[in-house]
Amino acid sequence: MTIRAVDPVTRAALPPGEIGELVVGGYVTPGYYRAPELDAAAFDQSGGFLTGDLGAIDRDGRVRFRGRLKEMIKTGGINVAPLEVEEVLLQHRDVVQAYVVGVADPAKGEIVAAAIELRPGSATDAAAIIAFCSERLASYKVPARIAFYTADRLPRTPTGKIHKPSLADELARAPARDAGC
C-alpha cells in the first residue's frame, strides 16, 4: 500500500507537510461494479483511490488527517481546512467546543466562520477569540464570523453529530465580526 497527498485540482504530488487530497495505491478495490463513470471519478491515472480526505504526509511518513475535501473552505482563492482552525480554537482555555465552516461571501467566495461553545461563566468575547487565533494562524484562516452557542443549541443529526450544513446556514445569518482579513 502507498499513500500520497496531491493537489485536489491538478492531482500533482505535494511535498511533505503540505495539505492535499490523500490518494491510496495498492490493492484497495478493483473499482465499481459496471460503473466506469464512477471509476473515473474515484481513481487517478495511476489507479490510486481518491479518498476525499484532506491530509499531509510528514517527512517521517506519518499521515496527518485534516478533514474532508468537501468541507474545505476556499476564501479569496486560498484553501482552508476547517479541522486546522478548530484545533487552534480548542486550545483556548475558555473554548469547550468549536466547529468551523465556510459561509458564502460576495468578495472572497467564502469566509471562515466558527460556532463556539464557551465554558460556563467565561467572559471571553469574539475579539479575544480573534486575537488568540491571529497569534496562531495565517490571517486568511482566522474566523471572520464567530457565533457563540450552548451545547443544546448546536444543530445535530439524528445520531447526535453536529450538522455542519445547518450550522453554515445559521452562521450565514449571524452578524459578521471583523477578523482583520
N, C-alpha and C. Protein backbone atom coordinates (compact mmCIF):
# COMPACT_ATOMS: atom_id res chain seq x y z
N MET A 1 0.85 -1.18 0.00
CA MET A 1 0.00 0.00 0.00
C MET A 1 0.89 1.24 0.00
N THR A 2 0.43 2.24 -0.71
CA THR A 2 1.11 3.54 -0.71
C THR A 2 0.06 4.61 -0.46
N ILE A 3 0.51 5.71 0.08
CA ILE A 3 -0.39 6.84 0.28
C ILE A 3 0.40 8.11 -0.04
N ARG A 4 -0.27 9.03 -0.71
CA ARG A 4 0.37 10.29 -1.04
C ARG A 4 -0.66 11.40 -0.98
N ALA A 5 -0.17 12.63 -0.85
CA ALA A 5 -1.04 13.81 -0.86
C ALA A 5 -0.85 14.50 -2.21
N VAL A 6 -1.97 14.85 -2.84
CA VAL A 6 -1.93 15.50 -4.15
C VAL A 6 -2.77 16.77 -4.12
N ASP A 7 -2.45 17.67 -5.03
CA ASP A 7 -3.26 18.87 -5.20
C ASP A 7 -4.64 18.43 -5.67
N PRO A 8 -5.72 18.87 -5.00
CA PRO A 8 -7.07 18.42 -5.36
C PRO A 8 -7.50 18.78 -6.78
N VAL A 9 -6.91 19.80 -7.37
CA VAL A 9 -7.30 20.23 -8.71
C VAL A 9 -6.40 19.61 -9.77
N THR A 10 -5.08 19.77 -9.61
CA THR A 10 -4.15 19.31 -10.64
C THR A 10 -3.74 17.85 -10.47
N ARG A 11 -3.93 17.30 -9.29
CA ARG A 11 -3.52 15.93 -8.94
C ARG A 11 -1.99 15.79 -8.89
N ALA A 12 -1.27 16.90 -8.87
CA ALA A 12 0.19 16.86 -8.76
C ALA A 12 0.57 16.49 -7.33
N ALA A 13 1.61 15.66 -7.19
CA ALA A 13 2.09 15.26 -5.86
C ALA A 13 2.56 16.48 -5.09
N LEU A 14 2.28 16.50 -3.79
CA LEU A 14 2.66 17.62 -2.94
C LEU A 14 3.87 17.24 -2.08
N PRO A 15 4.68 18.23 -1.72
CA PRO A 15 5.83 17.95 -0.86
C PRO A 15 5.40 17.59 0.56
N PRO A 16 6.29 16.99 1.34
CA PRO A 16 5.95 16.63 2.72
C PRO A 16 5.43 17.82 3.50
N GLY A 17 4.38 17.57 4.30
CA GLY A 17 3.81 18.60 5.16
C GLY A 17 2.75 19.46 4.53
N GLU A 18 2.60 19.42 3.20
CA GLU A 18 1.60 20.24 2.53
C GLU A 18 0.27 19.48 2.47
N ILE A 19 -0.83 20.19 2.76
CA ILE A 19 -2.15 19.57 2.81
C ILE A 19 -2.72 19.40 1.41
N GLY A 20 -3.22 18.21 1.14
CA GLY A 20 -3.86 17.91 -0.13
C GLY A 20 -4.79 16.72 0.02
N GLU A 21 -5.32 16.24 -1.09
CA GLU A 21 -6.18 15.07 -1.03
C GLU A 21 -5.31 13.83 -0.90
N LEU A 22 -5.71 12.93 -0.01
CA LEU A 22 -4.97 11.70 0.19
C LEU A 22 -5.39 10.68 -0.86
N VAL A 23 -4.39 10.05 -1.48
CA VAL A 23 -4.60 9.05 -2.52
C VAL A 23 -3.94 7.76 -2.07
N VAL A 24 -4.70 6.67 -2.09
CA VAL A 24 -4.19 5.37 -1.66
C VAL A 24 -3.97 4.49 -2.87
N GLY A 25 -2.79 3.90 -2.95
CA GLY A 25 -2.47 2.99 -4.04
C GLY A 25 -2.22 1.59 -3.50
N GLY A 26 -2.28 0.64 -4.37
CA GLY A 26 -2.12 -0.75 -3.96
C GLY A 26 -3.42 -1.48 -4.21
N TYR A 27 -3.63 -2.57 -3.51
CA TYR A 27 -4.87 -3.31 -3.72
C TYR A 27 -5.94 -2.78 -2.77
N VAL A 28 -6.73 -1.84 -3.25
CA VAL A 28 -7.81 -1.28 -2.44
C VAL A 28 -9.16 -1.80 -2.91
N THR A 29 -9.40 -1.77 -4.18
CA THR A 29 -10.62 -2.29 -4.79
C THR A 29 -10.39 -2.28 -6.31
N PRO A 30 -10.97 -3.20 -7.02
CA PRO A 30 -10.81 -3.15 -8.48
C PRO A 30 -11.68 -2.07 -9.12
N GLY A 31 -12.59 -1.48 -8.38
CA GLY A 31 -13.44 -0.44 -8.92
C GLY A 31 -14.90 -0.72 -8.64
N TYR A 32 -15.74 0.14 -9.17
CA TYR A 32 -17.18 -0.02 -9.01
C TYR A 32 -17.72 -1.04 -10.02
N TYR A 33 -18.67 -1.81 -9.60
CA TYR A 33 -19.25 -2.85 -10.44
C TYR A 33 -20.04 -2.22 -11.58
N ARG A 34 -19.58 -2.45 -12.79
CA ARG A 34 -20.25 -1.98 -14.02
C ARG A 34 -20.58 -0.49 -13.99
N ALA A 35 -19.65 0.31 -13.47
CA ALA A 35 -19.89 1.76 -13.39
C ALA A 35 -18.60 2.51 -13.72
N PRO A 36 -18.19 2.49 -14.99
CA PRO A 36 -16.93 3.15 -15.36
C PRO A 36 -16.92 4.65 -15.07
N GLU A 37 -18.08 5.29 -15.09
CA GLU A 37 -18.13 6.73 -14.80
C GLU A 37 -17.78 6.99 -13.33
N LEU A 38 -18.17 6.07 -12.44
CA LEU A 38 -17.79 6.21 -11.03
C LEU A 38 -16.31 5.93 -10.83
N ASP A 39 -15.79 4.95 -11.56
CA ASP A 39 -14.35 4.65 -11.50
C ASP A 39 -13.53 5.87 -11.92
N ALA A 40 -13.96 6.54 -12.98
CA ALA A 40 -13.22 7.70 -13.49
C ALA A 40 -13.15 8.81 -12.44
N ALA A 41 -14.19 8.95 -11.64
CA ALA A 41 -14.21 9.99 -10.61
C ALA A 41 -13.48 9.56 -9.33
N ALA A 42 -13.36 8.26 -9.09
CA ALA A 42 -12.81 7.77 -7.84
C ALA A 42 -11.34 7.38 -7.89
N PHE A 43 -10.78 7.24 -9.11
CA PHE A 43 -9.40 6.79 -9.24
C PHE A 43 -8.61 7.75 -10.12
N ASP A 44 -7.32 7.93 -9.80
CA ASP A 44 -6.48 8.77 -10.65
C ASP A 44 -5.88 7.95 -11.79
N GLN A 45 -5.06 8.59 -12.61
CA GLN A 45 -4.49 7.94 -13.80
C GLN A 45 -3.68 6.69 -13.47
N SER A 46 -3.05 6.68 -12.29
CA SER A 46 -2.21 5.53 -11.91
C SER A 46 -2.98 4.45 -11.17
N GLY A 47 -4.29 4.65 -11.02
CA GLY A 47 -5.11 3.66 -10.32
C GLY A 47 -5.23 3.92 -8.83
N GLY A 48 -4.69 5.04 -8.36
CA GLY A 48 -4.80 5.39 -6.94
C GLY A 48 -6.22 5.82 -6.60
N PHE A 49 -6.70 5.38 -5.43
CA PHE A 49 -8.04 5.71 -4.98
C PHE A 49 -8.05 7.10 -4.36
N LEU A 50 -8.90 7.99 -4.88
CA LEU A 50 -9.05 9.35 -4.38
C LEU A 50 -10.00 9.30 -3.18
N THR A 51 -9.45 9.44 -1.98
CA THR A 51 -10.23 9.21 -0.76
C THR A 51 -11.24 10.30 -0.43
N GLY A 52 -10.99 11.52 -0.90
CA GLY A 52 -11.84 12.64 -0.48
C GLY A 52 -11.40 13.19 0.87
N ASP A 53 -10.36 12.59 1.45
CA ASP A 53 -9.81 13.06 2.73
C ASP A 53 -8.70 14.06 2.48
N LEU A 54 -8.61 15.05 3.35
CA LEU A 54 -7.52 16.01 3.31
C LEU A 54 -6.48 15.62 4.34
N GLY A 55 -5.24 15.73 3.95
CA GLY A 55 -4.19 15.41 4.90
C GLY A 55 -2.83 15.78 4.36
N ALA A 56 -1.86 15.59 5.20
CA ALA A 56 -0.47 15.85 4.83
C ALA A 56 0.35 14.64 5.24
N ILE A 57 1.43 14.43 4.53
CA ILE A 57 2.35 13.36 4.87
C ILE A 57 3.64 14.01 5.34
N ASP A 58 3.97 13.77 6.60
CA ASP A 58 5.19 14.35 7.17
C ASP A 58 6.42 13.72 6.54
N ARG A 59 7.56 14.34 6.78
CA ARG A 59 8.83 13.82 6.26
C ARG A 59 9.11 12.39 6.75
N ASP A 60 8.62 12.08 7.96
CA ASP A 60 8.84 10.74 8.50
C ASP A 60 7.81 9.71 8.02
N GLY A 61 6.91 10.14 7.13
CA GLY A 61 5.92 9.24 6.56
C GLY A 61 4.60 9.18 7.31
N ARG A 62 4.48 9.90 8.40
CA ARG A 62 3.22 9.89 9.15
C ARG A 62 2.16 10.69 8.41
N VAL A 63 0.95 10.16 8.42
CA VAL A 63 -0.17 10.82 7.76
C VAL A 63 -0.91 11.66 8.79
N ARG A 64 -1.15 12.90 8.47
CA ARG A 64 -1.89 13.82 9.34
C ARG A 64 -3.23 14.14 8.68
N PHE A 65 -4.30 13.61 9.25
CA PHE A 65 -5.64 13.85 8.73
C PHE A 65 -6.04 15.28 9.02
N ARG A 66 -6.62 15.96 8.04
CA ARG A 66 -7.02 17.36 8.18
C ARG A 66 -8.47 17.63 7.82
N GLY A 67 -9.26 16.60 7.59
CA GLY A 67 -10.67 16.81 7.30
C GLY A 67 -11.07 16.20 5.97
N ARG A 68 -12.23 16.58 5.50
CA ARG A 68 -12.77 16.07 4.24
C ARG A 68 -12.66 17.16 3.18
N LEU A 69 -12.37 16.74 1.96
CA LEU A 69 -12.23 17.68 0.84
C LEU A 69 -13.51 18.50 0.66
N LYS A 70 -14.67 17.88 0.80
CA LYS A 70 -15.93 18.60 0.59
C LYS A 70 -16.17 19.67 1.66
N GLU A 71 -15.44 19.60 2.79
CA GLU A 71 -15.57 20.61 3.84
C GLU A 71 -14.59 21.76 3.66
N MET A 72 -13.65 21.64 2.73
CA MET A 72 -12.62 22.66 2.51
C MET A 72 -13.28 24.01 2.25
N ILE A 73 -12.73 25.04 2.88
CA ILE A 73 -13.20 26.40 2.69
C ILE A 73 -12.25 27.08 1.71
N LYS A 74 -12.81 27.72 0.70
CA LYS A 74 -11.98 28.46 -0.26
C LYS A 74 -12.28 29.94 -0.08
N THR A 75 -11.34 30.64 0.54
CA THR A 75 -11.53 32.05 0.84
C THR A 75 -10.49 32.88 0.09
N GLY A 76 -10.95 33.76 -0.77
CA GLY A 76 -10.04 34.59 -1.55
C GLY A 76 -9.10 33.76 -2.41
N GLY A 77 -9.55 32.58 -2.84
CA GLY A 77 -8.73 31.72 -3.68
C GLY A 77 -7.77 30.82 -2.93
N ILE A 78 -7.79 30.87 -1.60
CA ILE A 78 -6.89 30.05 -0.77
C ILE A 78 -7.71 29.02 -0.01
N ASN A 79 -7.22 27.79 0.03
CA ASN A 79 -7.91 26.71 0.75
C ASN A 79 -7.59 26.74 2.24
N VAL A 80 -8.64 26.54 3.05
CA VAL A 80 -8.50 26.46 4.50
C VAL A 80 -9.19 25.18 4.95
N ALA A 81 -8.47 24.36 5.70
CA ALA A 81 -9.04 23.13 6.26
C ALA A 81 -9.70 23.46 7.60
N PRO A 82 -11.02 23.27 7.72
CA PRO A 82 -11.71 23.60 8.97
C PRO A 82 -11.10 22.94 10.21
N LEU A 83 -10.65 21.70 10.07
CA LEU A 83 -10.08 20.99 11.22
C LEU A 83 -8.89 21.72 11.82
N GLU A 84 -8.06 22.33 10.96
CA GLU A 84 -6.90 23.07 11.45
C GLU A 84 -7.33 24.25 12.32
N VAL A 85 -8.35 24.98 11.89
CA VAL A 85 -8.83 26.13 12.65
C VAL A 85 -9.50 25.65 13.93
N GLU A 86 -10.27 24.57 13.85
CA GLU A 86 -10.91 24.01 15.04
C GLU A 86 -9.89 23.62 16.10
N GLU A 87 -8.78 23.01 15.66
CA GLU A 87 -7.73 22.61 16.60
C GLU A 87 -7.17 23.81 17.35
N VAL A 88 -7.00 24.92 16.68
CA VAL A 88 -6.48 26.13 17.33
C VAL A 88 -7.53 26.68 18.29
N LEU A 89 -8.77 26.76 17.87
CA LEU A 89 -9.83 27.28 18.74
C LEU A 89 -9.93 26.46 20.03
N LEU A 90 -9.78 25.15 19.92
CA LEU A 90 -9.90 24.27 21.09
C LEU A 90 -8.73 24.42 22.05
N GLN A 91 -7.67 25.09 21.64
CA GLN A 91 -6.54 25.36 22.54
C GLN A 91 -6.83 26.53 23.48
N HIS A 92 -7.83 27.34 23.14
CA HIS A 92 -8.19 28.48 24.00
C HIS A 92 -8.80 27.94 25.30
N ARG A 93 -8.37 28.47 26.41
CA ARG A 93 -8.78 27.94 27.71
C ARG A 93 -10.29 28.01 27.97
N ASP A 94 -10.99 28.92 27.31
CA ASP A 94 -12.42 29.09 27.55
C ASP A 94 -13.31 28.36 26.54
N VAL A 95 -12.72 27.72 25.55
CA VAL A 95 -13.50 27.06 24.50
C VAL A 95 -13.70 25.58 24.83
N VAL A 96 -14.97 25.17 24.84
CA VAL A 96 -15.33 23.76 25.09
C VAL A 96 -15.46 23.02 23.77
N GLN A 97 -16.19 23.61 22.83
CA GLN A 97 -16.40 23.03 21.50
C GLN A 97 -16.23 24.13 20.46
N ALA A 98 -15.75 23.72 19.26
CA ALA A 98 -15.60 24.67 18.16
C ALA A 98 -15.83 23.94 16.85
N TYR A 99 -16.64 24.54 15.98
CA TYR A 99 -16.93 23.97 14.67
C TYR A 99 -16.75 25.08 13.64
N VAL A 100 -16.02 24.76 12.58
CA VAL A 100 -15.69 25.76 11.56
C VAL A 100 -16.28 25.33 10.23
N VAL A 101 -16.89 26.29 9.54
CA VAL A 101 -17.50 26.05 8.23
C VAL A 101 -17.23 27.26 7.34
N GLY A 102 -17.44 27.06 6.06
CA GLY A 102 -17.37 28.17 5.12
C GLY A 102 -18.74 28.78 4.93
N VAL A 103 -18.78 30.09 4.83
CA VAL A 103 -20.01 30.82 4.62
C VAL A 103 -19.82 31.70 3.37
N ALA A 104 -20.80 31.69 2.48
CA ALA A 104 -20.71 32.46 1.24
C ALA A 104 -20.43 33.93 1.52
N ASP A 105 -19.55 34.49 0.68
CA ASP A 105 -19.18 35.89 0.79
C ASP A 105 -18.99 36.44 -0.62
N PRO A 106 -19.62 37.58 -0.95
CA PRO A 106 -19.52 38.09 -2.32
C PRO A 106 -18.11 38.49 -2.73
N ALA A 107 -17.28 38.94 -1.80
CA ALA A 107 -15.94 39.39 -2.16
C ALA A 107 -14.91 38.25 -2.20
N LYS A 108 -15.01 37.32 -1.26
CA LYS A 108 -13.99 36.27 -1.12
C LYS A 108 -14.44 34.89 -1.56
N GLY A 109 -15.68 34.75 -1.96
CA GLY A 109 -16.22 33.43 -2.30
C GLY A 109 -16.79 32.77 -1.05
N GLU A 110 -15.94 32.60 -0.05
CA GLU A 110 -16.36 32.10 1.26
C GLU A 110 -15.51 32.79 2.32
N ILE A 111 -16.05 32.85 3.52
CA ILE A 111 -15.28 33.29 4.68
C ILE A 111 -15.27 32.16 5.69
N VAL A 112 -14.30 32.20 6.58
CA VAL A 112 -14.19 31.22 7.66
C VAL A 112 -15.13 31.68 8.78
N ALA A 113 -16.01 30.79 9.19
CA ALA A 113 -16.95 31.09 10.27
C ALA A 113 -16.85 30.02 11.34
N ALA A 114 -17.00 30.43 12.60
CA ALA A 114 -16.86 29.49 13.71
C ALA A 114 -18.05 29.56 14.66
N ALA A 115 -18.51 28.39 15.07
CA ALA A 115 -19.52 28.26 16.12
C ALA A 115 -18.78 27.73 17.35
N ILE A 116 -18.90 28.46 18.44
CA ILE A 116 -18.09 28.15 19.62
C ILE A 116 -18.98 28.03 20.85
N GLU A 117 -18.70 26.99 21.64
CA GLU A 117 -19.31 26.87 22.96
C GLU A 117 -18.23 27.22 23.98
N LEU A 118 -18.54 28.18 24.85
CA LEU A 118 -17.60 28.61 25.88
C LEU A 118 -17.88 27.89 27.20
N ARG A 119 -16.86 27.84 28.04
CA ARG A 119 -17.04 27.29 29.38
C ARG A 119 -18.03 28.16 30.14
N PRO A 120 -18.87 27.58 30.97
CA PRO A 120 -19.82 28.37 31.76
C PRO A 120 -19.08 29.43 32.59
N GLY A 121 -19.62 30.64 32.57
CA GLY A 121 -19.05 31.74 33.34
C GLY A 121 -17.90 32.47 32.65
N SER A 122 -17.54 32.04 31.46
CA SER A 122 -16.45 32.68 30.73
C SER A 122 -16.85 34.08 30.29
N ALA A 123 -15.88 35.00 30.36
CA ALA A 123 -16.12 36.37 29.90
C ALA A 123 -15.47 36.62 28.54
N THR A 124 -14.95 35.57 27.91
CA THR A 124 -14.30 35.70 26.61
C THR A 124 -15.31 36.17 25.57
N ASP A 125 -14.87 37.07 24.68
CA ASP A 125 -15.73 37.56 23.62
C ASP A 125 -15.09 37.27 22.25
N ALA A 126 -15.76 37.66 21.20
CA ALA A 126 -15.28 37.40 19.84
C ALA A 126 -13.92 38.05 19.59
N ALA A 127 -13.72 39.25 20.09
CA ALA A 127 -12.44 39.94 19.88
C ALA A 127 -11.29 39.16 20.50
N ALA A 128 -11.50 38.59 21.67
CA ALA A 128 -10.45 37.80 22.33
C ALA A 128 -10.16 36.52 21.55
N ILE A 129 -11.19 35.90 21.01
CA ILE A 129 -11.01 34.68 20.21
C ILE A 129 -10.24 35.02 18.93
N ILE A 130 -10.59 36.11 18.29
CA ILE A 130 -9.91 36.54 17.07
C ILE A 130 -8.44 36.84 17.36
N ALA A 131 -8.17 37.53 18.45
CA ALA A 131 -6.78 37.84 18.81
C ALA A 131 -5.99 36.56 19.07
N PHE A 132 -6.60 35.61 19.75
CA PHE A 132 -5.97 34.32 20.03
C PHE A 132 -5.63 33.61 18.72
N CYS A 133 -6.58 33.56 17.81
CA CYS A 133 -6.36 32.90 16.52
C CYS A 133 -5.31 33.63 15.69
N SER A 134 -5.32 34.94 15.73
CA SER A 134 -4.39 35.74 14.94
C SER A 134 -2.94 35.47 15.32
N GLU A 135 -2.70 35.07 16.57
CA GLU A 135 -1.34 34.75 17.02
C GLU A 135 -0.89 33.37 16.53
N ARG A 136 -1.84 32.53 16.10
CA ARG A 136 -1.53 31.14 15.80
C ARG A 136 -1.83 30.70 14.37
N LEU A 137 -2.55 31.53 13.63
CA LEU A 137 -2.97 31.16 12.28
C LEU A 137 -2.63 32.27 11.29
N ALA A 138 -2.48 31.89 10.04
CA ALA A 138 -2.36 32.89 8.98
C ALA A 138 -3.65 33.71 8.96
N SER A 139 -3.57 34.96 8.56
CA SER A 139 -4.72 35.87 8.64
C SER A 139 -5.94 35.33 7.89
N TYR A 140 -5.74 34.66 6.74
CA TYR A 140 -6.87 34.16 5.97
C TYR A 140 -7.57 32.97 6.64
N LYS A 141 -6.95 32.38 7.67
CA LYS A 141 -7.55 31.26 8.39
C LYS A 141 -8.30 31.70 9.64
N VAL A 142 -8.11 32.93 10.06
CA VAL A 142 -8.76 33.45 11.26
C VAL A 142 -10.25 33.63 10.98
N PRO A 143 -11.12 33.11 11.84
CA PRO A 143 -12.56 33.27 11.59
C PRO A 143 -12.98 34.72 11.43
N ALA A 144 -13.70 34.98 10.36
CA ALA A 144 -14.24 36.31 10.10
C ALA A 144 -15.62 36.47 10.72
N ARG A 145 -16.22 35.35 11.08
CA ARG A 145 -17.53 35.36 11.71
C ARG A 145 -17.50 34.36 12.85
N ILE A 146 -17.93 34.82 14.03
CA ILE A 146 -17.96 33.96 15.22
C ILE A 146 -19.34 34.09 15.85
N ALA A 147 -19.89 32.96 16.21
CA ALA A 147 -21.16 32.94 16.94
C ALA A 147 -20.99 32.01 18.13
N PHE A 148 -21.57 32.39 19.25
CA PHE A 148 -21.47 31.59 20.46
C PHE A 148 -22.76 30.79 20.65
N TYR A 149 -22.57 29.53 21.02
CA TYR A 149 -23.67 28.58 21.20
C TYR A 149 -23.55 27.89 22.54
N THR A 150 -24.67 27.42 23.05
CA THR A 150 -24.65 26.45 24.13
C THR A 150 -24.76 25.08 23.46
N ALA A 151 -24.33 24.04 24.14
CA ALA A 151 -24.31 22.70 23.54
C ALA A 151 -25.69 22.28 23.02
N ASP A 152 -26.73 22.65 23.71
CA ASP A 152 -28.08 22.23 23.30
C ASP A 152 -28.61 23.01 22.09
N ARG A 153 -27.97 24.12 21.73
CA ARG A 153 -28.41 24.91 20.57
C ARG A 153 -27.71 24.55 19.27
N LEU A 154 -26.63 23.77 19.36
CA LEU A 154 -25.91 23.38 18.14
C LEU A 154 -26.77 22.42 17.33
N PRO A 155 -26.90 22.66 16.03
CA PRO A 155 -27.73 21.77 15.20
C PRO A 155 -27.08 20.39 15.08
N ARG A 156 -27.89 19.35 15.26
CA ARG A 156 -27.37 17.99 15.26
C ARG A 156 -28.17 17.09 14.33
N THR A 157 -27.51 16.01 13.93
CA THR A 157 -28.17 14.97 13.13
C THR A 157 -28.94 14.07 14.10
N PRO A 158 -29.78 13.18 13.58
CA PRO A 158 -30.49 12.25 14.48
C PRO A 158 -29.56 11.39 15.34
N THR A 159 -28.33 11.19 14.89
CA THR A 159 -27.38 10.39 15.68
C THR A 159 -26.57 11.23 16.65
N GLY A 160 -26.82 12.55 16.71
CA GLY A 160 -26.15 13.41 17.68
C GLY A 160 -24.92 14.13 17.18
N LYS A 161 -24.51 13.90 15.93
CA LYS A 161 -23.36 14.61 15.38
C LYS A 161 -23.76 16.02 14.99
N ILE A 162 -22.79 16.92 14.97
CA ILE A 162 -23.05 18.29 14.53
C ILE A 162 -23.38 18.28 13.04
N HIS A 163 -24.47 18.94 12.69
CA HIS A 163 -24.90 19.01 11.29
C HIS A 163 -24.32 20.29 10.70
N LYS A 164 -23.16 20.15 10.05
CA LYS A 164 -22.44 21.33 9.55
C LYS A 164 -23.20 22.11 8.48
N PRO A 165 -23.97 21.47 7.58
CA PRO A 165 -24.74 22.30 6.63
C PRO A 165 -25.74 23.23 7.33
N SER A 166 -26.42 22.76 8.36
CA SER A 166 -27.34 23.62 9.11
C SER A 166 -26.57 24.70 9.85
N LEU A 167 -25.42 24.33 10.39
CA LEU A 167 -24.59 25.30 11.09
C LEU A 167 -24.14 26.40 10.14
N ALA A 168 -23.74 26.03 8.93
CA ALA A 168 -23.33 27.02 7.93
C ALA A 168 -24.48 27.96 7.60
N ASP A 169 -25.69 27.42 7.48
CA ASP A 169 -26.86 28.27 7.21
C ASP A 169 -27.08 29.26 8.34
N GLU A 170 -26.98 28.79 9.58
CA GLU A 170 -27.16 29.67 10.74
C GLU A 170 -26.08 30.74 10.79
N LEU A 171 -24.84 30.34 10.55
CA LEU A 171 -23.73 31.30 10.61
C LEU A 171 -23.80 32.32 9.47
N ALA A 172 -24.41 31.93 8.36
CA ALA A 172 -24.58 32.87 7.25
C ALA A 172 -25.50 34.01 7.66
N ARG A 173 -26.40 33.75 8.59
CA ARG A 173 -27.33 34.78 9.06
C ARG A 173 -26.82 35.53 10.27
N ALA A 174 -25.72 35.04 10.89
CA ALA A 174 -25.17 35.69 12.09
C ALA A 174 -24.46 36.98 11.70
N PRO A 175 -24.41 37.94 12.60
CA PRO A 175 -23.70 39.18 12.29
C PRO A 175 -22.20 38.91 12.11
N ALA A 176 -21.59 39.58 11.15
CA ALA A 176 -20.17 39.40 10.87
C ALA A 176 -19.33 40.05 11.96
N ARG A 177 -18.20 39.44 12.24
CA ARG A 177 -17.20 40.01 13.16
C ARG A 177 -15.96 40.25 12.30
N ASP A 178 -15.38 41.43 12.42
CA ASP A 178 -14.19 41.74 11.63
C ASP A 178 -13.00 41.00 12.22
N ALA A 179 -12.41 40.11 11.40
CA ALA A 179 -11.24 39.35 11.86
C ALA A 179 -9.95 39.96 11.32
N GLY A 180 -10.03 41.12 10.77
CA GLY A 180 -8.82 41.77 10.28
C GLY A 180 -8.30 41.19 8.98
N CYS A 181 -9.13 40.48 8.23
CA CYS A 181 -8.69 39.89 6.96
C CYS A 181 -9.16 40.75 5.82
